[in-house]
């Protein structure tokens, strides 16, 4: 089924990461999903289509960093995932994901 640009049910989300060896405490993961961020995070933690770093070190979602921009179309979410990861790096975070 083709993705519709009119369908606005995609989200960019941010996960706090803790316990990464050599980490500074500012590590986060930025991703995008067609699910709710809560369901996607739960999937990561149970190992379903998981980013290894989130499965192992993900501790909670950081909605204060992403709620203001969601939901959006698939096209906008794909673009925003990359741009937002770059912006958060400039703000001092160590960002994983954000492809």
N, C-alpha and C. Protein backbone atom coordinates (compact mmCIF):
# COMPACT_ATOMS: atom_id res chain seq x y z
N UNK A 1 0.84 -1.17 0.00
CA UNK A 1 0.00 0.00 0.00
C UNK A 1 0.89 1.24 0.00
N UNK A 2 0.70 2.17 -0.93
CA UNK A 2 1.55 3.37 -0.97
C UNK A 2 1.29 4.27 0.22
N UNK A 3 2.32 4.96 0.61
CA UNK A 3 2.20 5.91 1.72
C UNK A 3 1.55 7.18 1.21
N UNK A 4 0.59 7.65 1.91
CA UNK A 4 -0.11 8.87 1.52
C UNK A 4 0.48 10.06 2.25
N UNK A 5 0.80 11.10 1.51
CA UNK A 5 1.34 12.29 2.16
C UNK A 5 0.26 12.99 2.99
N UNK A 6 -1.01 12.67 2.72
CA UNK A 6 -2.09 13.28 3.49
C UNK A 6 -2.29 12.59 4.84
N UNK A 7 -1.76 11.39 4.99
CA UNK A 7 -1.93 10.64 6.23
C UNK A 7 -0.95 11.15 7.28
N UNK A 8 -1.46 11.73 8.32
CA UNK A 8 -0.60 12.31 9.35
C UNK A 8 -0.69 11.49 10.63
N UNK A 9 -0.08 10.31 10.60
CA UNK A 9 -0.07 9.48 11.80
C UNK A 9 1.33 9.02 12.17
N UNK A 10 2.34 9.66 11.61
CA UNK A 10 3.72 9.31 11.94
C UNK A 10 4.27 10.26 13.00
N UNK A 11 5.25 9.75 13.72
CA UNK A 11 5.81 10.51 14.84
C UNK A 11 7.33 10.42 14.82
N UNK A 12 7.97 11.50 15.19
CA UNK A 12 9.38 11.49 15.56
C UNK A 12 9.37 11.38 17.08
N UNK A 13 10.25 10.55 17.63
CA UNK A 13 10.28 10.35 19.08
C UNK A 13 11.72 10.34 19.57
N UNK A 14 11.87 10.58 20.87
CA UNK A 14 13.20 10.64 21.49
C UNK A 14 13.18 9.77 22.74
N UNK A 15 14.22 8.94 22.87
CA UNK A 15 14.36 8.04 24.01
C UNK A 15 15.61 8.42 24.80
N UNK A 16 15.48 8.51 26.11
CA UNK A 16 16.64 8.72 26.99
C UNK A 16 17.39 7.40 27.10
N UNK A 17 18.71 7.47 26.98
CA UNK A 17 19.57 6.30 27.11
C UNK A 17 20.43 6.47 28.36
N UNK A 18 20.53 5.43 29.16
CA UNK A 18 21.36 5.50 30.37
C UNK A 18 22.23 4.26 30.48
N UNK A 19 23.44 4.46 31.01
CA UNK A 19 24.34 3.34 31.26
C UNK A 19 25.28 3.00 30.13
N UNK A 20 25.34 3.82 29.10
CA UNK A 20 26.25 3.57 27.99
C UNK A 20 27.68 3.78 28.49
N UNK A 21 28.54 2.78 28.34
CA UNK A 21 29.93 2.93 28.81
C UNK A 21 30.59 4.18 28.21
N UNK A 22 31.19 4.98 29.05
CA UNK A 22 31.84 6.21 28.60
C UNK A 22 30.88 7.33 28.29
N UNK A 23 29.61 7.13 28.60
CA UNK A 23 28.60 8.14 28.30
C UNK A 23 28.69 9.34 29.21
N UNK A 24 28.03 10.41 28.79
CA UNK A 24 28.04 11.66 29.54
C UNK A 24 26.73 11.93 30.26
N UNK A 25 25.73 11.07 30.03
CA UNK A 25 24.41 11.32 30.58
C UNK A 25 23.53 12.13 29.68
N UNK A 26 24.03 12.45 28.49
CA UNK A 26 23.27 13.24 27.51
C UNK A 26 22.97 12.40 26.27
N UNK A 27 22.92 11.07 26.42
CA UNK A 27 22.70 10.21 25.27
C UNK A 27 21.20 10.02 25.02
N UNK A 28 20.81 10.13 23.75
CA UNK A 28 19.43 9.95 23.36
C UNK A 28 19.38 9.19 22.04
N UNK A 29 18.22 8.64 21.75
CA UNK A 29 17.96 8.00 20.47
C UNK A 29 16.81 8.75 19.83
N UNK A 30 16.94 9.08 18.55
CA UNK A 30 15.89 9.74 17.79
C UNK A 30 15.41 8.77 16.72
N UNK A 31 14.10 8.56 16.66
CA UNK A 31 13.54 7.67 15.66
C UNK A 31 12.24 8.22 15.12
N UNK A 32 11.69 7.49 14.15
CA UNK A 32 10.38 7.82 13.61
C UNK A 32 9.57 6.56 13.50
N UNK A 33 8.25 6.71 13.60
CA UNK A 33 7.37 5.55 13.59
C UNK A 33 5.98 5.91 13.10
N UNK A 34 5.30 4.92 12.56
CA UNK A 34 3.89 5.06 12.22
C UNK A 34 3.00 4.62 13.38
N UNK A 35 3.61 4.13 14.44
CA UNK A 35 2.90 3.73 15.66
C UNK A 35 2.93 4.90 16.63
N UNK A 36 2.29 4.74 17.76
CA UNK A 36 2.47 5.75 18.80
C UNK A 36 3.89 5.59 19.36
N UNK A 37 4.52 6.65 19.83
CA UNK A 37 5.84 6.51 20.42
C UNK A 37 5.88 5.50 21.56
N UNK A 38 4.81 5.42 22.33
CA UNK A 38 4.76 4.48 23.46
C UNK A 38 4.82 3.02 22.98
N UNK A 39 4.07 2.71 21.93
CA UNK A 39 4.07 1.35 21.39
C UNK A 39 5.43 1.05 20.76
N UNK A 40 5.98 2.02 20.04
CA UNK A 40 7.29 1.79 19.40
C UNK A 40 8.37 1.56 20.45
N UNK A 41 8.37 2.33 21.53
CA UNK A 41 9.36 2.15 22.60
C UNK A 41 9.20 0.76 23.22
N UNK A 42 7.97 0.35 23.48
CA UNK A 42 7.73 -0.99 24.04
C UNK A 42 8.27 -2.07 23.09
N UNK A 43 8.09 -1.88 21.79
CA UNK A 43 8.63 -2.83 20.82
C UNK A 43 10.15 -2.90 20.89
N UNK A 44 10.80 -1.75 20.98
CA UNK A 44 12.26 -1.73 21.14
C UNK A 44 12.66 -2.56 22.35
N UNK A 45 12.01 -2.32 23.48
CA UNK A 45 12.41 -2.97 24.73
C UNK A 45 12.19 -4.48 24.70
N UNK A 46 11.18 -4.93 23.96
CA UNK A 46 10.96 -6.38 23.89
C UNK A 46 11.72 -7.03 22.74
N UNK A 47 12.47 -6.22 21.99
CA UNK A 47 13.32 -6.77 20.94
C UNK A 47 12.67 -6.88 19.57
N UNK A 48 11.48 -6.33 19.40
CA UNK A 48 10.79 -6.40 18.12
C UNK A 48 11.20 -5.22 17.25
N UNK A 49 11.89 -5.51 16.15
CA UNK A 49 12.41 -4.46 15.26
C UNK A 49 13.15 -3.40 16.06
N UNK A 50 13.98 -3.86 16.97
CA UNK A 50 14.61 -2.98 17.95
C UNK A 50 15.96 -2.44 17.48
N UNK A 51 16.21 -1.20 17.83
CA UNK A 51 17.57 -0.67 17.77
C UNK A 51 18.27 -1.22 19.01
N UNK A 52 19.41 -1.85 18.83
CA UNK A 52 20.10 -2.48 19.96
C UNK A 52 20.37 -1.51 21.11
N UNK A 53 20.74 -0.29 20.77
CA UNK A 53 21.05 0.69 21.82
C UNK A 53 19.82 1.02 22.67
N UNK A 54 18.63 1.04 22.05
CA UNK A 54 17.42 1.31 22.81
C UNK A 54 17.02 0.09 23.63
N UNK A 55 17.14 -1.08 23.04
CA UNK A 55 16.79 -2.29 23.79
C UNK A 55 17.63 -2.41 25.06
N UNK A 56 18.92 -2.12 24.94
CA UNK A 56 19.84 -2.29 26.07
C UNK A 56 19.85 -1.11 27.03
N UNK A 57 19.82 0.12 26.51
CA UNK A 57 20.03 1.31 27.35
C UNK A 57 18.84 2.26 27.43
N UNK A 58 17.79 2.02 26.65
CA UNK A 58 16.64 2.92 26.66
C UNK A 58 15.88 2.84 27.98
N UNK A 59 15.62 3.99 28.60
CA UNK A 59 14.95 3.99 29.90
C UNK A 59 13.57 4.66 29.87
N UNK A 60 13.37 5.63 28.99
CA UNK A 60 12.07 6.30 28.95
C UNK A 60 12.00 7.19 27.71
N UNK A 61 10.79 7.48 27.32
CA UNK A 61 10.56 8.46 26.27
C UNK A 61 10.75 9.86 26.84
N UNK A 62 11.11 10.80 25.99
CA UNK A 62 11.26 12.20 26.38
C UNK A 62 10.26 13.06 25.59
N UNK A 63 8.96 12.94 25.91
CA UNK A 63 7.94 13.64 25.12
C UNK A 63 8.13 15.15 25.08
N UNK A 64 8.77 15.71 26.09
CA UNK A 64 9.00 17.17 26.07
C UNK A 64 9.88 17.59 24.91
N UNK A 65 10.61 16.64 24.32
CA UNK A 65 11.47 16.95 23.18
C UNK A 65 10.80 16.70 21.83
N UNK A 66 9.64 16.03 21.80
CA UNK A 66 9.05 15.72 20.49
C UNK A 66 7.56 15.97 20.34
N UNK A 67 6.81 16.06 21.41
CA UNK A 67 5.35 16.16 21.28
C UNK A 67 4.89 17.36 20.44
N UNK A 68 5.64 18.45 20.50
CA UNK A 68 5.24 19.67 19.81
C UNK A 68 5.18 19.53 18.29
N UNK A 69 5.80 18.50 17.73
CA UNK A 69 5.83 18.40 16.27
C UNK A 69 4.99 17.26 15.70
N UNK A 70 4.38 16.46 16.53
CA UNK A 70 3.66 15.27 16.06
C UNK A 70 2.15 15.48 16.09
N UNK A 71 1.38 14.73 15.30
CA UNK A 71 1.78 13.80 14.25
C UNK A 71 2.09 14.54 12.95
N UNK A 72 2.63 13.79 12.00
CA UNK A 72 2.96 14.35 10.69
C UNK A 72 2.90 13.26 9.64
N UNK A 73 3.03 13.64 8.38
CA UNK A 73 3.04 12.67 7.29
C UNK A 73 4.34 11.86 7.33
N UNK A 74 4.35 10.74 6.64
CA UNK A 74 5.56 9.90 6.56
C UNK A 74 6.71 10.71 6.00
N UNK A 75 6.47 11.46 4.94
CA UNK A 75 7.51 12.24 4.29
C UNK A 75 8.12 13.26 5.26
N UNK A 76 7.26 13.98 5.97
CA UNK A 76 7.76 14.97 6.92
C UNK A 76 8.49 14.32 8.09
N UNK A 77 7.99 13.18 8.56
CA UNK A 77 8.65 12.48 9.68
C UNK A 77 10.03 11.98 9.26
N UNK A 78 10.15 11.45 8.06
CA UNK A 78 11.45 10.97 7.58
C UNK A 78 12.46 12.11 7.50
N UNK A 79 12.02 13.24 7.02
CA UNK A 79 12.89 14.42 6.92
C UNK A 79 13.20 14.99 8.31
N UNK A 80 12.17 15.09 9.15
CA UNK A 80 12.35 15.68 10.47
C UNK A 80 13.23 14.84 11.38
N UNK A 81 13.18 13.51 11.23
CA UNK A 81 14.04 12.65 12.04
C UNK A 81 15.50 13.04 11.87
N UNK A 82 15.92 13.25 10.65
CA UNK A 82 17.31 13.62 10.36
C UNK A 82 17.61 15.03 10.85
N UNK A 83 16.75 15.97 10.52
CA UNK A 83 16.98 17.37 10.90
C UNK A 83 16.97 17.56 12.41
N UNK A 84 16.03 16.90 13.09
CA UNK A 84 15.93 17.06 14.54
C UNK A 84 17.13 16.42 15.24
N UNK A 85 17.60 15.28 14.73
CA UNK A 85 18.79 14.65 15.31
C UNK A 85 19.98 15.61 15.19
N UNK A 86 20.13 16.27 14.06
CA UNK A 86 21.21 17.24 13.88
C UNK A 86 21.06 18.40 14.85
N UNK A 87 19.84 18.89 15.02
CA UNK A 87 19.60 20.01 15.93
C UNK A 87 19.93 19.61 17.37
N UNK A 88 19.52 18.43 17.77
CA UNK A 88 19.79 17.98 19.14
C UNK A 88 21.29 17.77 19.37
N UNK A 89 22.02 17.33 18.35
CA UNK A 89 23.48 17.23 18.46
C UNK A 89 24.08 18.61 18.72
N UNK A 90 23.60 19.61 18.00
CA UNK A 90 24.10 20.98 18.20
C UNK A 90 23.77 21.48 19.61
N UNK A 91 22.72 20.96 20.21
CA UNK A 91 22.34 21.35 21.58
C UNK A 91 23.12 20.58 22.63
N UNK A 92 24.03 19.70 22.22
CA UNK A 92 24.90 19.02 23.16
C UNK A 92 24.58 17.57 23.46
N UNK A 93 23.55 17.03 22.84
CA UNK A 93 23.22 15.62 23.05
C UNK A 93 24.10 14.72 22.19
N UNK A 94 24.36 13.53 22.69
CA UNK A 94 24.97 12.47 21.87
C UNK A 94 23.78 11.69 21.33
N UNK A 95 23.60 11.75 20.00
CA UNK A 95 22.39 11.21 19.38
C UNK A 95 22.71 9.91 18.65
N UNK A 96 21.92 8.90 18.96
CA UNK A 96 21.93 7.64 18.21
C UNK A 96 20.66 7.66 17.36
N UNK A 97 20.69 6.90 16.26
CA UNK A 97 19.55 6.91 15.35
C UNK A 97 19.57 8.17 14.52
N UNK A 98 18.39 8.68 14.20
CA UNK A 98 18.30 9.91 13.42
C UNK A 98 18.82 9.76 12.01
N UNK A 99 18.52 8.63 11.37
CA UNK A 99 19.05 8.36 10.02
C UNK A 99 18.47 9.30 9.02
